[in-house]
Every structure is written in structure tokens, then in C-alpha cells.
Amino acid sequence: MYIVVVYDVEQGRVNRVCQLLRRYLHWVQNSAFEGELSEAQLERLKSELSEIIDREKDSAYFYVLEDVRWLRKEVLGRNRGSIDNLL
């Protein structure tokens, strides 16, 4: 499945969250990552992320596309990160 994650965390946790997400996904913009994950990888990522963030102050949004065929991505301006696995 194709996953897009965006997050908003306090400054003290940004580096840890970013490092974790880079292990699973491609960085595409500040606080935004995307890529292909299995169901097990997604659950592991959520579990590891929940150990870092403060649920009272931080947030992470997971957008899940079951099939990449339904993804249409448009970028205005500079395209950051790798998109080799997109189409």
C-alpha cells in the first residue's frame, strides 16, 4: 500500500521523528514522507512513532492508498525527495 505521512511535533522531537520516518519512507518535504509499505511495516512504524510523540501536543496523519493506481501526484515548485517508485 502507498502511505503519505505528515506530522507536526514539538521541536525537541522533530529529529527523532524524521530519522524514524526516513527508515521507512521517502522524505518529500518538511514534515512529509511517502512510499510503499506492507501492513506489518505500517503497524511497526505506528508503534515506534507512538513511543516518540506526545499525543497531547503532537500529531501525525497517515494517508493510506490501498492501490497506487489511485494516486495522482502533482508538484508545484521544487520537487524534493525520491519518487523513483511512483509509476
Protein backbone atom coordinates (compact mmCIF):
# COMPACT_ATOMS: atom_id res chain seq x y z
CA MET A 1 0.00 0.00 0.00
CA TYR A 2 1.12 3.58 -0.57
CA ILE A 3 1.45 5.77 2.53
CA VAL A 4 1.74 9.52 2.97
CA VAL A 5 2.67 10.73 6.46
CA VAL A 6 2.63 14.34 7.60
CA TYR A 7 3.46 15.36 11.12
CA ASP A 8 3.56 18.31 13.48
CA VAL A 9 5.67 17.73 16.57
CA GLU A 10 7.43 19.93 19.09
CA GLN A 11 10.94 20.99 18.10
CA GLY A 12 12.63 18.68 20.60
CA ARG A 13 11.19 15.60 18.90
CA VAL A 14 11.48 16.62 15.23
CA ASN A 15 14.86 14.95 14.61
CA ARG A 16 13.82 11.65 16.18
CA VAL A 17 10.56 11.56 14.20
CA CYS A 18 12.33 12.48 10.97
CA GLN A 19 15.01 9.79 11.48
CA LEU A 20 12.37 7.16 12.15
CA LEU A 21 10.30 8.05 9.11
CA ARG A 22 13.40 8.04 6.87
CA ARG A 23 13.92 4.38 7.79
CA TYR A 24 10.54 3.51 6.27
CA LEU A 25 9.61 6.17 3.70
CA HIS A 26 10.98 8.79 1.30
CA TRP A 27 11.27 12.37 2.50
CA VAL A 28 9.40 14.66 0.11
CA GLN A 29 9.02 17.90 2.04
CA ASN A 30 9.45 19.32 5.53
CA SER A 31 7.31 17.13 7.78
CA ALA A 32 6.08 14.96 4.87
CA PHE A 33 7.08 11.44 3.83
CA GLU A 34 5.66 8.92 1.38
CA GLY A 35 6.27 5.45 -0.01
CA GLU A 36 5.23 1.82 -0.23
CA LEU A 37 4.80 -0.18 2.98
CA SER A 38 3.33 -3.53 3.87
CA GLU A 39 0.62 -3.72 6.52
CA ALA A 40 3.18 -5.08 9.00
CA GLN A 41 5.64 -2.27 8.27
CA LEU A 42 2.89 0.32 8.72
CA GLU A 43 1.90 -1.12 12.08
CA ARG A 44 5.55 -1.27 13.20
CA LEU A 45 6.06 2.36 12.13
CA LYS A 46 2.98 3.49 14.05
CA SER A 47 4.15 1.61 17.13
CA GLU A 48 7.63 3.13 17.02
CA LEU A 49 6.25 6.59 16.34
CA SER A 50 3.85 6.37 19.28
CA GLU A 51 6.88 5.86 21.54
CA ILE A 52 8.37 9.18 20.37
CA ILE A 53 5.47 11.60 20.09
CA ASP A 54 3.49 13.23 22.86
CA ARG A 55 -0.15 12.56 21.94
CA GLU A 56 -1.26 15.62 23.90
CA LYS A 57 0.96 18.02 21.92
CA ASP A 58 2.00 16.31 18.65
CA SER A 59 0.20 14.78 15.69
CA ALA A 60 0.91 12.51 12.74
CA TYR A 61 -1.50 11.96 9.87
CA PHE A 62 -1.37 8.75 7.83
CA TYR A 63 -2.98 8.79 4.40
CA VAL A 64 -3.29 5.23 3.11
CA LEU A 65 -3.89 4.36 -0.53
CA GLU A 66 -4.61 0.67 -0.89
CA ASP A 67 -3.59 0.75 -4.54
CA VAL A 68 -1.02 3.17 -6.01
CA ARG A 69 -3.08 3.26 -9.22
CA TRP A 70 -5.41 5.71 -7.46
CA LEU A 71 -2.58 8.11 -6.67
CA ARG A 72 -2.16 11.21 -8.74
CA LYS A 73 0.62 13.45 -7.51
CA GLU A 74 1.28 16.97 -8.74
CA VAL A 75 4.12 19.14 -7.51
CA LEU A 76 4.26 22.89 -7.90
CA GLY A 77 7.77 24.24 -7.42
CA ARG A 78 10.80 22.28 -6.31
CA ASN A 79 10.38 18.52 -6.17
CA ARG A 80 12.21 17.13 -3.13
CA GLY A 81 12.98 13.53 -2.33
CA SER A 82 12.96 10.40 -4.43
CA ILE A 83 9.90 9.46 -6.43
CA ASP A 84 11.50 6.61 -8.36
CA ASN A 85 8.99 4.09 -7.10
CA LEU A 86 5.92 6.08 -8.11
CA LEU A 87 4.97 4.97 -11.60
